[in-house]
Amino acid sequence: MLSSVLAIAVGGSVGALARFGVAHWTMTAWPKAFPLATFAVNLIGCLLIGILYGLWLHRPEFSPLLRQGLFIGFLGAFTTFSTFSLDALRLMENGEALLAIGYILLSVCVCLLATWAGLALTR
């Protein structure tokens, strides 16, 4: 139990720092109207979860602690669908309904495609 908690804590710390790095980079490289940081993190996270899931399907002998650290810890801290929801809501509240709808559709559709692509890369 303690080793699982530590694996998740370490993974979560790294995931949170990675998310901060992506957010910092995108804020300097992209206009503020579209929440690119959240979109990029969700896209990368979906691709990674597809790849990792595919790897574990073919290599079930991989350490359960590694799986917990990566899936629950790293990806749990890195991906931000809660932030995604807040960003979409804020766009709507700011009168940017069309941009919000585009953001929602793009995020869901492209991230589903990225998850499929990540899994397909391992098959």
PDB file of N, CA and C in Angstrom:
ATOM      1  N   MET A   1       0.817  -1.200   0.000  1.00  0.00           N
ATOM      2  CA  MET A   1       0.000   0.000   0.000  1.00  0.00           C
ATOM      3  C   MET A   1       0.864   1.268   0.000  1.00  0.00           C
ATOM      4  N   LEU A   2       1.859   1.303   0.859  1.00  0.00           N
ATOM      5  CA  LEU A   2       2.727   2.476   0.927  1.00  0.00           C
ATOM      6  C   LEU A   2       3.486   2.674  -0.378  1.00  0.00           C
ATOM      7  N   SER A   3       3.934   1.587  -0.988  1.00  0.00           N
ATOM      8  CA  SER A   3       4.656   1.721  -2.252  1.00  0.00           C
ATOM      9  C   SER A   3       3.732   2.253  -3.353  1.00  0.00           C
ATOM     10  N   SER A   4       2.461   1.878  -3.345  1.00  0.00           N
ATOM     11  CA  SER A   4       1.497   2.419  -4.318  1.00  0.00           C
ATOM     12  C   SER A   4       1.313   3.916  -4.106  1.00  0.00           C
ATOM     13  N   VAL A   5       1.181   4.315  -2.860  1.00  0.00           N
ATOM     14  CA  VAL A   5       1.003   5.737  -2.542  1.00  0.00           C
ATOM     15  C   VAL A   5       2.220   6.532  -3.001  1.00  0.00           C
ATOM     16  N   LEU A   6       3.403   5.993  -2.764  1.00  0.00           N
ATOM     17  CA  LEU A   6       4.624   6.686  -3.185  1.00  0.00           C
ATOM     18  C   LEU A   6       4.731   6.763  -4.709  1.00  0.00           C
ATOM     19  N   ALA A   7       4.384   5.676  -5.395  1.00  0.00           N
ATOM     20  CA  ALA A   7       4.428   5.682  -6.869  1.00  0.00           C
ATOM     21  C   ALA A   7       3.464   6.724  -7.425  1.00  0.00           C
ATOM     22  N   ILE A   8       2.278   6.797  -6.854  1.00  0.00           N
ATOM     23  CA  ILE A   8       1.281   7.777  -7.309  1.00  0.00           C
ATOM     24  C   ILE A   8       1.738   9.195  -6.981  1.00  0.00           C
ATOM     25  N   ALA A   9       2.302   9.378  -5.791  1.00  0.00           N
ATOM     26  CA  ALA A   9       2.774  10.713  -5.396  1.00  0.00           C
ATOM     27  C   ALA A   9       3.904  11.202  -6.295  1.00  0.00           C
ATOM     28  N   VAL A  10       4.847  10.334  -6.599  1.00  0.00           N
ATOM     29  CA  VAL A  10       5.955  10.724  -7.476  1.00  0.00           C
ATOM     30  C   VAL A  10       5.430  11.018  -8.877  1.00  0.00           C
ATOM     31  N   GLY A  11       4.598  10.117  -9.397  1.00  0.00           N
ATOM     32  CA  GLY A  11       4.016  10.340 -10.723  1.00  0.00           C
ATOM     33  C   GLY A  11       3.201  11.618 -10.769  1.00  0.00           C
ATOM     34  N   GLY A  12       2.420  11.867  -9.723  1.00  0.00           N
ATOM     35  CA  GLY A  12       1.610  13.081  -9.671  1.00  0.00           C
ATOM     36  C   GLY A  12       2.450  14.344  -9.635  1.00  0.00           C
ATOM     37  N   SER A  13       3.543  14.300  -8.899  1.00  0.00           N
ATOM     38  CA  SER A  13       4.440  15.456  -8.849  1.00  0.00           C
ATOM     39  C   SER A  13       5.033  15.752 -10.220  1.00  0.00           C
ATOM     40  N   VAL A  14       5.487  14.720 -10.895  1.00  0.00           N
ATOM     41  CA  VAL A  14       6.077  14.899 -12.228  1.00  0.00           C
ATOM     42  C   VAL A  14       5.001  15.363 -13.213  1.00  0.00           C
ATOM     43  N   GLY A  15       3.802  14.784 -13.126  1.00  0.00           N
ATOM     44  CA  GLY A  15       2.705  15.186 -14.014  1.00  0.00           C
ATOM     45  C   GLY A  15       2.304  16.637 -13.816  1.00  0.00           C
ATOM     46  N   ALA A  16       2.236  17.061 -12.565  1.00  0.00           N
ATOM     47  CA  ALA A  16       1.878  18.446 -12.282  1.00  0.00           C
ATOM     48  C   ALA A  16       2.938  19.410 -12.812  1.00  0.00           C
ATOM     49  N   LEU A  17       4.201  19.054 -12.642  1.00  0.00           N
ATOM     50  CA  LEU A  17       5.281  19.904 -13.152  1.00  0.00           C
ATOM     51  C   LEU A  17       5.290  19.928 -14.682  1.00  0.00           C
ATOM     52  N   ALA A  18       4.994  18.788 -15.304  1.00  0.00           N
ATOM     53  CA  ALA A  18       4.918  18.750 -16.764  1.00  0.00           C
ATOM     54  C   ALA A  18       3.772  19.613 -17.261  1.00  0.00           C
ATOM     55  N   ARG A  19       2.647  19.561 -16.573  1.00  0.00           N
ATOM     56  CA  ARG A  19       1.507  20.387 -16.953  1.00  0.00           C
ATOM     57  C   ARG A  19       1.843  21.868 -16.828  1.00  0.00           C
ATOM     58  N   PHE A  20       2.532  22.221 -15.758  1.00  0.00           N
ATOM     59  CA  PHE A  20       2.957  23.601 -15.568  1.00  0.00           C
ATOM     60  C   PHE A  20       3.872  24.038 -16.709  1.00  0.00           C
ATOM     61  N   GLY A  21       4.792  23.163 -17.108  1.00  0.00           N
ATOM     62  CA  GLY A  21       5.708  23.491 -18.196  1.00  0.00           C
ATOM     63  C   GLY A  21       4.986  23.715 -19.516  1.00  0.00           C
ATOM     64  N   VAL A  22       4.048  22.856 -19.837  1.00  0.00           N
ATOM     65  CA  VAL A  22       3.265  23.020 -21.068  1.00  0.00           C
ATOM     66  C   VAL A  22       2.449  24.309 -21.002  1.00  0.00           C
ATOM     67  N   ALA A  23       1.817  24.561 -19.872  1.00  0.00           N
ATOM     68  CA  ALA A  23       1.010  25.775 -19.718  1.00  0.00           C
ATOM     69  C   ALA A  23       1.870  27.028 -19.856  1.00  0.00           C
ATOM     70  N   HIS A  24       3.025  27.024 -19.240  1.00  0.00           N
ATOM     71  CA  HIS A  24       3.923  28.181 -19.309  1.00  0.00           C
ATOM     72  C   HIS A  24       4.363  28.434 -20.755  1.00  0.00           C
ATOM     73  N   TRP A  25       4.737  27.370 -21.445  1.00  0.00           N
ATOM     74  CA  TRP A  25       5.191  27.517 -22.825  1.00  0.00           C
ATOM     75  C   TRP A  25       4.073  28.024 -23.730  1.00  0.00           C
ATOM     76  N   THR A  26       2.889  27.441 -23.619  1.00  0.00           N
ATOM     77  CA  THR A  26       1.807  27.842 -24.523  1.00  0.00           C
ATOM     78  C   THR A  26       1.310  29.257 -24.236  1.00  0.00           C
ATOM     79  N   MET A  27       1.358  29.688 -22.992  1.00  0.00           N
ATOM     80  CA  MET A  27       0.907  31.045 -22.674  1.00  0.00           C
ATOM     81  C   MET A  27       1.782  32.096 -23.340  1.00  0.00           C
ATOM     82  N   THR A  28       3.032  31.775 -23.564  1.00  0.00           N
ATOM     83  CA  THR A  28       3.921  32.733 -24.220  1.00  0.00           C
ATOM     84  C   THR A  28       3.865  32.622 -25.736  1.00  0.00           C
ATOM     85  N   ALA A  29       3.352  31.495 -26.244  1.00  0.00           N
ATOM     86  CA  ALA A  29       3.392  31.252 -27.686  1.00  0.00           C
ATOM     87  C   ALA A  29       2.033  31.355 -28.380  1.00  0.00           C
ATOM     88  N   TRP A  30       0.970  31.630 -27.660  1.00  0.00           N
ATOM     89  CA  TRP A  30      -0.362  31.565 -28.265  1.00  0.00           C
ATOM     90  C   TRP A  30      -1.255  32.677 -27.717  1.00  0.00           C
ATOM     91  N   PRO A  31      -2.118  33.224 -28.554  1.00  0.00           N
ATOM     92  CA  PRO A  31      -3.066  34.235 -28.069  1.00  0.00           C
ATOM     93  C   PRO A  31      -3.942  33.682 -26.947  1.00  0.00           C
ATOM     94  N   LYS A  32      -4.382  34.547 -26.091  1.00  0.00           N
ATOM     95  CA  LYS A  32      -5.107  34.140 -24.896  1.00  0.00           C
ATOM     96  C   LYS A  32      -6.556  33.707 -25.148  1.00  0.00           C
ATOM     97  N   ALA A  33      -7.151  34.016 -26.287  1.00  0.00           N
ATOM     98  CA  ALA A  33      -8.562  33.734 -26.518  1.00  0.00           C
ATOM     99  C   ALA A  33      -8.874  32.239 -26.463  1.00  0.00           C
ATOM    100  N   PHE A  34      -8.028  31.402 -27.032  1.00  0.00           N
ATOM    101  CA  PHE A  34      -8.261  29.960 -27.059  1.00  0.00           C
ATOM    102  C   PHE A  34      -7.414  29.300 -25.975  1.00  0.00           C
ATOM    103  N   PRO A  35      -7.991  28.480 -25.119  1.00  0.00           N
ATOM    104  CA  PRO A  35      -7.224  27.855 -24.026  1.00  0.00           C
ATOM    105  C   PRO A  35      -6.335  26.713 -24.525  1.00  0.00           C
ATOM    106  N   LEU A  36      -5.282  27.068 -25.233  1.00  0.00           N
ATOM    107  CA  LEU A  36      -4.394  26.090 -25.852  1.00  0.00           C
ATOM    108  C   LEU A  36      -3.673  25.224 -24.826  1.00  0.00           C
ATOM    109  N   ALA A  37      -3.303  25.780 -23.698  1.00  0.00           N
ATOM    110  CA  ALA A  37      -2.570  24.992 -22.701  1.00  0.00           C
ATOM    111  C   ALA A  37      -3.382  23.772 -22.277  1.00  0.00           C
ATOM    112  N   THR A  38      -4.634  23.988 -21.955  1.00  0.00           N
ATOM    113  CA  THR A  38      -5.491  22.872 -21.542  1.00  0.00           C
ATOM    114  C   THR A  38      -5.697  21.902 -22.694  1.00  0.00           C
ATOM    115  N   PHE A  39      -5.933  22.433 -23.892  1.00  0.00           N
ATOM    116  CA  PHE A  39      -6.127  21.584 -25.062  1.00  0.00           C
ATOM    117  C   PHE A  39      -4.889  20.729 -25.320  1.00  0.00           C
ATOM    118  N   ALA A  40      -3.712  21.341 -25.282  1.00  0.00           N
ATOM    119  CA  ALA A  40      -2.463  20.620 -25.548  1.00  0.00           C
ATOM    120  C   ALA A  40      -2.224  19.530 -24.506  1.00  0.00           C
ATOM    121  N   VAL A  41      -2.448  19.851 -23.248  1.00  0.00           N
ATOM    122  CA  VAL A  41      -2.255  18.869 -22.185  1.00  0.00           C
ATOM    123  C   VAL A  41      -3.225  17.703 -22.355  1.00  0.00           C
ATOM    124  N   ASN A  42      -4.484  17.991 -22.647  1.00  0.00           N
ATOM    125  CA  ASN A  42      -5.448  16.916 -22.830  1.00  0.00           C
ATOM    126  C   ASN A  42      -5.107  16.062 -24.043  1.00  0.00           C
ATOM    127  N   LEU A  43      -4.673  16.679 -25.116  1.00  0.00           N
ATOM    128  CA  LEU A  43      -4.293  15.942 -26.314  1.00  0.00           C
ATOM    129  C   LEU A  43      -3.085  15.037 -26.042  1.00  0.00           C
ATOM    130  N   ILE A  44      -2.056  15.596 -25.433  1.00  0.00           N
ATOM    131  CA  ILE A  44      -0.857  14.814 -25.102  1.00  0.00           C
ATOM    132  C   ILE A  44      -1.214  13.692 -24.123  1.00  0.00           C
ATOM    133  N   GLY A  45      -2.024  14.031 -23.125  1.00  0.00           N
ATOM    134  CA  GLY A  45      -2.427  13.032 -22.138  1.00  0.00           C
ATOM    135  C   GLY A  45      -3.221  11.895 -22.750  1.00  0.00           C
ATOM    136  N   CYS A  46      -4.116  12.218 -23.673  1.00  0.00           N
ATOM    137  CA  CYS A  46      -4.895  11.174 -24.346  1.00  0.00           C
ATOM    138  C   CYS A  46      -4.005  10.286 -25.202  1.00  0.00           C
ATOM    139  N   LEU A  47      -3.058  10.879 -25.888  1.00  0.00           N
ATOM    140  CA  LEU A  47      -2.118  10.089 -26.686  1.00  0.00           C
ATOM    141  C   LEU A  47      -1.299   9.165 -25.774  1.00  0.00           C
ATOM    142  N   LEU A  48      -0.802   9.718 -24.670  1.00  0.00           N
ATOM    143  CA  LEU A  48       0.001   8.923 -23.743  1.00  0.00           C
ATOM    144  C   LEU A  48      -0.794   7.788 -23.116  1.00  0.00           C
ATOM    145  N   ILE A  49      -2.046   8.056 -22.739  1.00  0.00           N
ATOM    146  CA  ILE A  49      -2.829   6.991 -22.107  1.00  0.00           C
ATOM    147  C   ILE A  49      -3.137   5.888 -23.113  1.00  0.00           C
ATOM    148  N   GLY A  50      -3.322   6.250 -24.370  1.00  0.00           N
ATOM    149  CA  GLY A  50      -3.520   5.236 -25.401  1.00  0.00           C
ATOM    150  C   GLY A  50      -2.277   4.382 -25.581  1.00  0.00           C
ATOM    151  N   ILE A  51      -1.122   5.025 -25.622  1.00  0.00           N
ATOM    152  CA  ILE A  51       0.144   4.297 -25.771  1.00  0.00           C
ATOM    153  C   ILE A  51       0.380   3.390 -24.558  1.00  0.00           C
ATOM    154  N   LEU A  52       0.237   3.942 -23.365  1.00  0.00           N
ATOM    155  CA  LEU A  52       0.492   3.152 -22.157  1.00  0.00           C
ATOM    156  C   LEU A  52      -0.482   1.988 -22.020  1.00  0.00           C
ATOM    157  N   TYR A  53      -1.740   2.237 -22.297  1.00  0.00           N
ATOM    158  CA  TYR A  53      -2.743   1.171 -22.226  1.00  0.00           C
ATOM    159  C   TYR A  53      -2.397   0.069 -23.230  1.00  0.00           C
ATOM    160  N   GLY A  54      -2.022   0.464 -24.418  1.00  0.00           N
ATOM    161  CA  GLY A  54      -1.630  -0.517 -25.430  1.00  0.00           C
ATOM    162  C   GLY A  54      -0.415  -1.316 -24.998  1.00  0.00           C
ATOM    163  N   LEU A  55       0.556  -0.654 -24.392  1.00  0.00           N
ATOM    164  CA  LEU A  55       1.737  -1.368 -23.907  1.00  0.00           C
ATOM    165  C   LEU A  55       1.370  -2.387 -22.836  1.00  0.00           C
ATOM    166  N   TRP A  56       0.508  -1.992 -21.908  1.00  0.00           N
ATOM    167  CA  TRP A  56       0.122  -2.907 -20.838  1.00  0.00           C
ATOM    168  C   TRP A  56      -0.735  -4.067 -21.358  1.00  0.00           C
ATOM    169  N   LEU A  57      -1.485  -3.843 -22.426  1.00  0.00           N
ATOM    170  CA  LEU A  57      -2.247  -4.952 -23.013  1.00  0.00           C
ATOM    171  C   LEU A  57      -1.310  -6.025 -23.558  1.00  0.00           C
ATOM    172  N   HIS A  58      -0.191  -5.600 -24.124  1.00  0.00           N
ATOM    173  CA  HIS A  58       0.758  -6.533 -24.725  1.00  0.00           C
ATOM    174  C   HIS A  58       1.857  -6.990 -23.768  1.00  0.00           C
ATOM    175  N   ARG A  59       2.045  -6.260 -22.697  1.00  0.00           N
ATOM    176  CA  ARG A  59       3.106  -6.588 -21.738  1.00  0.00           C
ATOM    177  C   ARG A  59       2.555  -6.514 -20.312  1.00  0.00           C
ATOM    178  N   PRO A  60       1.640  -7.403 -19.952  1.00  0.00           N
ATOM    179  CA  PRO A  60       1.025  -7.335 -18.621  1.00  0.00           C
ATOM    180  C   PRO A  60       2.011  -7.562 -17.471  1.00  0.00           C
ATOM    181  N   GLU A  61       3.223  -8.003 -17.799  1.00  0.00           N
ATOM    182  CA  GLU A  61       4.218  -8.224 -16.747  1.00  0.00           C
ATOM    183  C   GLU A  61       4.833  -6.919 -16.240  1.00  0.00           C
ATOM    184  N   PHE A  62       4.549  -5.802 -16.893  1.00  0.00           N
ATOM    185  CA  PHE A  62       5.043  -4.511 -16.394  1.00  0.00           C
ATOM    186  C   PHE A  62       4.563  -4.299 -14.963  1.00  0.00           C
ATOM    187  N   SER A  63       5.369  -3.663 -14.196  1.00  0.00           N
ATOM    188  CA  SER A  63       5.108  -3.446 -12.777  1.00  0.00           C
ATOM    189  C   SER A  63       3.777  -2.724 -12.527  1.00  0.00           C
ATOM    190  N   PRO A  64       2.951  -3.275 -11.634  1.00  0.00           N
ATOM    191  CA  PRO A  64       1.727  -2.576 -11.249  1.00  0.00           C
ATOM    192  C   PRO A  64       2.020  -1.207 -10.612  1.00  0.00           C
ATOM    193  N   LEU A  65       3.145  -1.094  -9.922  1.00  0.00           N
ATOM    194  CA  LEU A  65       3.518   0.196  -9.327  1.00  0.00           C
ATOM    195  C   LEU A  65       3.818   1.229 -10.404  1.00  0.00           C
ATOM    196  N   LEU A  66       4.492   0.796 -11.460  1.00  0.00           N
ATOM    197  CA  LEU A  66       4.754   1.703 -12.574  1.00  0.00           C
ATOM    198  C   LEU A  66       3.447   2.139 -13.214  1.00  0.00           C
ATOM    199  N   ARG A  67       2.552   1.196 -13.394  1.00  0.00           N
ATOM    200  CA  ARG A  67       1.244   1.520 -13.973  1.00  0.00           C
ATOM    201  C   ARG A  67       0.500   2.532 -13.097  1.00  0.00           C
ATOM    202  N   GLN A  68       0.478   2.312 -11.795  1.00  0.00           N
ATOM    203  CA  GLN A  68      -0.192   3.251 -10.884  1.00  0.00           C
ATOM    204  C   GLN A  68       0.474   4.620 -10.930  1.00  0.00           C
ATOM    205  N   GLY A  69       1.793   4.627 -10.931  1.00  0.00           N
ATOM    206  CA  GLY A  69       2.514   5.897 -10.973  1.00  0.00           C
ATOM    207  C   GLY A  69       2.240   6.678 -12.242  1.00  0.00           C
ATOM    208  N   LEU A  70       2.147   5.968 -13.368  1.00  0.00           N
ATOM    209  CA  LEU A  70       1.921   6.652 -14.649  1.00  0.00           C
ATOM    210  C   LEU A  70       0.446   7.000 -14.882  1.00  0.00           C
ATOM    211  N   PHE A  71      -0.445   6.035 -14.686  1.00  0.00           N
ATOM    212  CA  PHE A  71      -1.863   6.268 -14.976  1.00  0.00           C
ATOM    213  C   PHE A  71      -2.513   7.175 -13.934  1.00  0.00           C
ATOM    214  N   ILE A  72      -2.405   6.792 -12.671  1.00  0.00           N
ATOM    215  CA  ILE A  72      -3.088   7.545 -11.617  1.00  0.00           C
ATOM    216  C   ILE A  72      -2.307   8.805 -11.262  1.00  0.00           C
ATOM    217  N   GLY A  73      -0.999   8.646 -11.077  1.00  0.00           N
ATOM    218  CA  GLY A  73      -0.176   9.773 -10.661  1.00  0.00           C
ATOM    219  C   GLY A  73       0.093  10.768 -11.775  1.00  0.00           C
ATOM    220  N   PHE A  74       0.939  10.362 -12.730  1.00  0.00           N
ATOM    221  CA  PHE A  74       1.357  11.298 -13.776  1.00  0.00           C
ATOM    222  C   PHE A  74       0.183  11.811 -14.604  1.00  0.00           C
ATOM    223  N   LEU A  75      -0.557  10.900 -15.232  1.00  0.00           N
ATOM    224  CA  LEU A  75      -1.640  11.346 -16.110  1.00  0.00           C
ATOM    225  C   LEU A  75      -2.784  11.993 -15.334  1.00  0.00           C
ATOM    226  N   GLY A  76      -3.018  11.535 -14.102  1.00  0.00           N
ATOM    227  CA  GLY A  76      -4.044  12.158 -13.272  1.00  0.00           C
ATOM    228  C   GLY A  76      -3.729  13.613 -12.950  1.00  0.00           C
ATOM    229  N   ALA A  77      -2.462  13.901 -12.754  1.00  0.00           N
ATOM    230  CA  ALA A  77      -2.054  15.284 -12.466  1.00  0.00           C
ATOM    231  C   ALA A  77      -1.838  16.094 -13.738  1.00  0.00           C
ATOM    232  N   PHE A  78      -1.494  15.422 -14.819  1.00  0.00           N
ATOM    233  CA  PHE A  78      -1.159  16.112 -16.060  1.00  0.00           C
ATOM    234  C   PHE A  78      -2.386  16.513 -16.867  1.00  0.00           C
ATOM    235  N   THR A  79      -3.329  15.609 -17.052  1.00  0.00           N
ATOM    236  CA  THR A  79      -4.506  15.927 -17.855  1.00  0.00           C
ATOM    237  C   THR A  79      -5.522  16.700 -17.027  1.00  0.00           C
ATOM    238  N   THR A  80      -6.292  17.498 -17.708  1.00  0.00           N
ATOM    239  CA  THR A  80      -7.087  18.484 -16.968  1.00  0.00           C
ATOM    240  C   THR A  80      -8.480  18.673 -17.545  1.00  0.00           C
ATOM    241  N   PHE A  81      -9.266  17.621 -17.574  1.00  0.00           N
ATOM    242  CA  PHE A  81     -10.602  17.828 -18.106  1.00  0.00           C
ATOM    243  C   PHE A  81     -11.466  18.680 -17.180  1.00  0.00           C
ATOM    244  N   SER A  82     -11.117  18.748 -15.915  1.00  0.00           N
ATOM    245  CA  SER A  82     -11.845  19.679 -15.057  1.00  0.00           C
ATOM    246  C   SER A  82     -11.530  21.117 -15.457  1.00  0.00           C
ATOM    247  N   THR A  83     -10.283  21.379 -15.766  1.00  0.00           N
ATOM    248  CA  THR A  83      -9.913  22.707 -16.248  1.00  0.00           C
ATOM    249  C   THR A  83     -10.544  22.970 -17.605  1.00  0.00           C
ATOM    250  N   PHE A  84     -10.600  21.939 -18.435  1.00  0.00           N
ATOM    251  CA  PHE A  84     -11.268  22.036 -19.729  1.00  0.00           C
ATOM    252  C   PHE A  84     -12.705  22.525 -19.556  1.00  0.00           C
ATOM    253  N   SER A  85     -13.408  21.940 -18.615  1.00  0.00           N
ATOM    254  CA  SER A  85     -14.804  22.328 -18.382  1.00  0.00           C
ATOM    255  C   SER A  85     -14.907  23.782 -17.935  1.00  0.00           C
ATOM    256  N   LEU A  86     -14.029  24.160 -17.036  1.00  0.00           N
ATOM    257  CA  LEU A  86     -14.037  25.544 -16.562  1.00  0.00           C
ATOM    258  C   LEU A  86     -13.697  26.515 -17.685  1.00  0.00           C
ATOM    259  N   ASP A  87     -12.717  26.176 -18.511  1.00  0.00           N
ATOM    260  CA  ASP A  87     -12.360  27.033 -19.648  1.00  0.00           C
ATOM    261  C   ASP A  87     -13.537  27.213 -20.593  1.00  0.00           C
ATOM    262  N   ALA A  88     -14.238  26.111 -20.900  1.00  0.00           N
ATOM    263  CA  ALA A  88     -15.396  26.191 -21.792  1.00  0.00           C
ATOM    264  C   ALA A  88     -16.498  27.057 -21.174  1.00  0.00           C
ATOM    265  N   LEU A  89     -16.737  26.858 -19.901  1.00  0.00           N
ATOM    266  CA  LEU A  89     -17.751  27.658 -19.207  1.00  0.00           C
ATOM    267  C   LEU A  89     -17.385  29.141 -19.208  1.00  0.00           C
ATOM    268  N   ARG A  90     -16.132  29.429 -18.967  1.00  0.00           N
ATOM    269  CA  ARG A  90     -15.690  30.830 -18.949  1.00  0.00           C
ATOM    270  C   ARG A  90     -15.833  31.476 -20.326  1.00  0.00           C
ATOM    271  N   LEU A  91     -15.521  30.716 -21.378  1.00  0.00           N
ATOM    272  CA  LEU A  91     -15.716  31.245 -22.723  1.00  0.00           C
ATOM    273  C   LEU A  91     -17.188  31.587 -22.944  1.00  0.00           C
ATOM    274  N   MET A  92     -18.070  30.681 -22.532  1.00  0.00           N
ATOM    275  CA  MET A  92     -19.509  30.935 -22.687  1.00  0.00           C
ATOM    276  C   MET A  92     -19.944  32.150 -21.868  1.00  0.00           C
ATOM    277  N   GLU A  93     -19.480  32.239 -20.643  1.00  0.00           N
ATOM    278  CA  GLU A  93     -19.834  33.372 -19.787  1.00  0.00           C
ATOM    279  C   GLU A  93     -19.306  34.694 -20.330  1.00  0.00           C
ATOM    280  N   ASN A  94     -18.221  34.646 -21.090  1.00  0.00           N
ATOM    281  CA  ASN A  94     -17.643  35.854 -21.682  1.00  0.00           C
ATOM    282  C   ASN A  94     -18.228  36.169 -23.055  1.00  0.00           C
ATOM    283  N   GLY A  95     -19.312  35.490 -23.402  1.00  0.00           N
ATOM    284  CA  GLY A  95     -19.980  35.771 -24.670  1.00  0.00           C
ATOM    285  C   GLY A  95     -19.318  35.140 -25.877  1.00  0.00           C
ATOM    286  N   GLU A  96     -18.434  34.181 -25.664  1.00  0.00           N
ATOM    287  CA  GLU A  96     -17.708  33.512 -26.748  1.00  0.00           C
ATOM    288  C   GLU A  96     -18.297  32.120 -26.981  1.00  0.00           C
ATOM    289  N   ALA A  97     -19.610  32.033 -27.161  1.00  0.00           N
ATOM    290  CA  ALA A  97     -20.289  30.743 -27.276  1.00  0.00           C
ATOM    291  C   ALA A  97     -19.775  29.928 -28.457  1.00  0.00           C
ATOM    292  N   LEU A  98     -19.578  30.548 -29.586  1.00  0.00           N
ATOM    293  CA  LEU A  98     -19.096  29.822 -30.765  1.00  0.00           C
ATOM    294  C   LEU A  98     -17.689  29.269 -30.533  1.00  0.00           C
ATOM    295  N   LEU A  99     -16.817  30.078 -29.942  1.00  0.00           N
ATOM    296  CA  LEU A  99     -15.473  29.610 -29.618  1.00  0.00           C
ATOM    297  C   LEU A  99     -15.542  28.473 -28.596  1.00  0.00           C
ATOM    298  N   ALA A 100     -16.442  28.577 -27.622  1.00  0.00           N
ATOM    299  CA  ALA A 100     -16.609  27.525 -26.611  1.00  0.00           C
ATOM    300  C   ALA A 100     -17.060  26.220 -27.255  1.00  0.00           C
ATOM    301  N   ILE A 101     -18.032  26.288 -28.145  1.00  0.00           N
ATOM    302  CA  ILE A 101     -18.521  25.084 -28.821  1.00  0.00           C
ATOM    303  C   ILE A 101     -17.413  24.471 -29.672  1.00  0.00           C
ATOM    304  N   GLY A 102     -16.677  25.309 -30.391  1.00  0.00           N
ATOM    305  CA  GLY A 102     -15.556  24.807 -31.182  1.00  0.00           C
ATOM    306  C   GLY A 102     -14.511  24.143 -30.308  1.00  0.00           C
ATOM    307  N   TYR A 103     -14.215  24.761 -29.183  1.00  0.00           N
ATOM    308  CA  TYR A 103     -13.239  24.215 -28.236  1.00  0.00           C
ATOM    309  C   TYR A 103     -13.697  22.863 -27.698  1.00  0.00           C
ATOM    310  N   ILE A 104     -14.949  22.760 -27.321  1.00  0.00           N
ATOM    311  CA  ILE A 104     -15.486  21.503 -26.782  1.00  0.00           C
ATOM    312  C   ILE A 104     -15.432  20.399 -27.838  1.00  0.00           C
ATOM    313  N   LEU A 105     -15.935  20.695 -29.023  1.00  0.00           N
ATOM    314  CA  LEU A 105     -15.956  19.682 -30.083  1.00  0.00           C
ATOM    315  C   LEU A 105     -14.546  19.266 -30.495  1.00  0.00           C
ATOM    316  N   LEU A 106     -13.669  20.246 -30.660  1.00  0.00           N
ATOM    317  CA  LEU A 106     -12.295  19.949 -31.050  1.00  0.00           C
ATOM    318  C   LEU A 106     -11.598  19.110 -29.981  1.00  0.00           C
ATOM    319  N   SER A 107     -11.748  19.490 -28.733  1.00  0.00           N
ATOM    320  CA  SER A 107     -11.098  18.761 -27.642  1.00  0.00           C
ATOM    321  C   SER A 107     -11.570  17.315 -27.583  1.00  0.00           C
ATOM    322  N   VAL A 108     -12.868  17.101 -27.582  1.00  0.00           N
ATOM    323  CA  VAL A 108     -13.391  15.747 -27.447  1.00  0.00           C
ATOM    324  C   VAL A 108     -13.030  14.900 -28.666  1.00  0.00           C
ATOM    325  N   CYS A 109     -13.271  15.415 -29.844  1.00  0.00           N
ATOM    326  CA  CYS A 109     -13.030  14.623 -31.061  1.00  0.00           C
ATOM    327  C   CYS A 109     -11.546  14.342 -31.290  1.00  0.00           C
ATOM    328  N   VAL A 110     -10.713  15.354 -31.188  1.00  0.00           N
ATOM    329  CA  VAL A 110      -9.286  15.164 -31.445  1.00  0.00           C
ATOM    330  C   VAL A 110      -8.647  14.310 -30.346  1.00  0.00           C
ATOM    331  N   CYS A 111      -9.081  14.468 -29.093  1.00  0.00           N
ATOM    332  CA  CYS A 111      -8.505  13.656 -28.017  1.00  0.00           C
ATOM    333  C   CYS A 111      -8.938  12.195 -28.123  1.00  0.00           C
ATOM    334  N   LEU A 112     -10.159  11.939 -28.548  1.00  0.00           N
ATOM    335  CA  LEU A 112     -10.560  10.558 -28.806  1.00  0.00           C
ATOM    336  C   LEU A 112      -9.705   9.960 -29.922  1.00  0.00           C
ATOM    337  N   LEU A 113      -9.475  10.740 -30.950  1.00  0.00           N
ATOM    338  CA  LEU A 113      -8.627  10.294 -32.058  1.00  0.00           C
ATOM    339  C   LEU A 113      -7.190  10.039 -31.572  1.00  0.00           C
ATOM    340  N   ALA A 114      -6.677  10.911 -30.707  1.00  0.00           N
ATOM    341  CA  ALA A 114      -5.321  10.734 -30.175  1.00  0.00           C
ATOM    342  C   ALA A 114      -5.225   9.476 -29.313  1.00  0.00           C
ATOM    343  N   THR A 115      -6.256   9.183 -28.520  1.00  0.00           N
ATOM    344  CA  THR A 115      -6.262   7.967 -27.717  1.00  0.00           C
ATOM    345  C   THR A 115      -6.245   6.746 -28.621  1.00  0.00           C
ATOM    346  N   TRP A 116      -7.067   6.766 -29.659  1.00  0.00           N
ATOM    347  CA  TRP A 116      -7.079   5.681 -30.630  1.00  0.00           C
ATOM    348  C   TRP A 116      -5.704   5.541 -31.294  1.00  0.00           C
ATOM    349  N   ALA A 117      -5.107   6.668 -31.690  1.00  0.00           N
ATOM    350  CA  ALA A 117      -3.800   6.648 -32.354  1.00  0.00           C
ATOM    351  C   ALA A 117      -2.723   6.082 -31.435  1.00  0.00           C
ATOM    352  N   GLY A 118      -2.755   6.484 -30.184  1.00  0.00           N
ATOM    353  CA  GLY A 118      -1.779   5.955 -29.222  1.00  0.00           C
ATOM    354  C   GLY A 118      -1.919   4.453 -29.059  1.00  0.00           C
ATOM    355  N   LEU A 119      -3.147   3.984 -28.973  1.00  0.00           N
ATOM    356  CA  LEU A 119      -3.384   2.544 -28.867  1.00  0.00           C
ATOM    357  C   LEU A 119      -2.971   1.843 -30.159  1.00  0.00           C
ATOM    358  N   ALA A 120      -3.304   2.443 -31.300  1.00  0.00           N
ATOM    359  CA  ALA A 120      -2.953   1.852 -32.595  1.00  0.00           C
ATOM    360  C   ALA A 120      -1.432   1.737 -32.763  1.00  0.00           C
ATOM    361  N   LEU A 121      -0.690   2.687 -32.201  1.00  0.00           N
ATOM    362  CA  LEU A 121       0.776   2.640 -32.287  1.00  0.00           C
ATOM    363  C   LEU A 121       1.368   1.425 -31.588  1.00  0.00           C
ATOM    364  N   THR A 122       0.620   0.874 -30.647  1.00  0.00           N
ATOM    365  CA  THR A 122       1.130  -0.276 -29.887  1.00  0.00           C
ATOM    366  C   THR A 122       0.636  -1.601 -30.435  1.00  0.00           C
ATOM    367  N   ARG A 123      -0.239  -1.581 -31.419  1.00  0.00           N
ATOM    368  CA  ARG A 123      -0.786  -2.831 -31.960  1.00  0.00           C
ATOM    369  C   ARG A 123       0.041  -3.345 -33.092  1.00  0.00           C
TER     370      ARG A 123
END
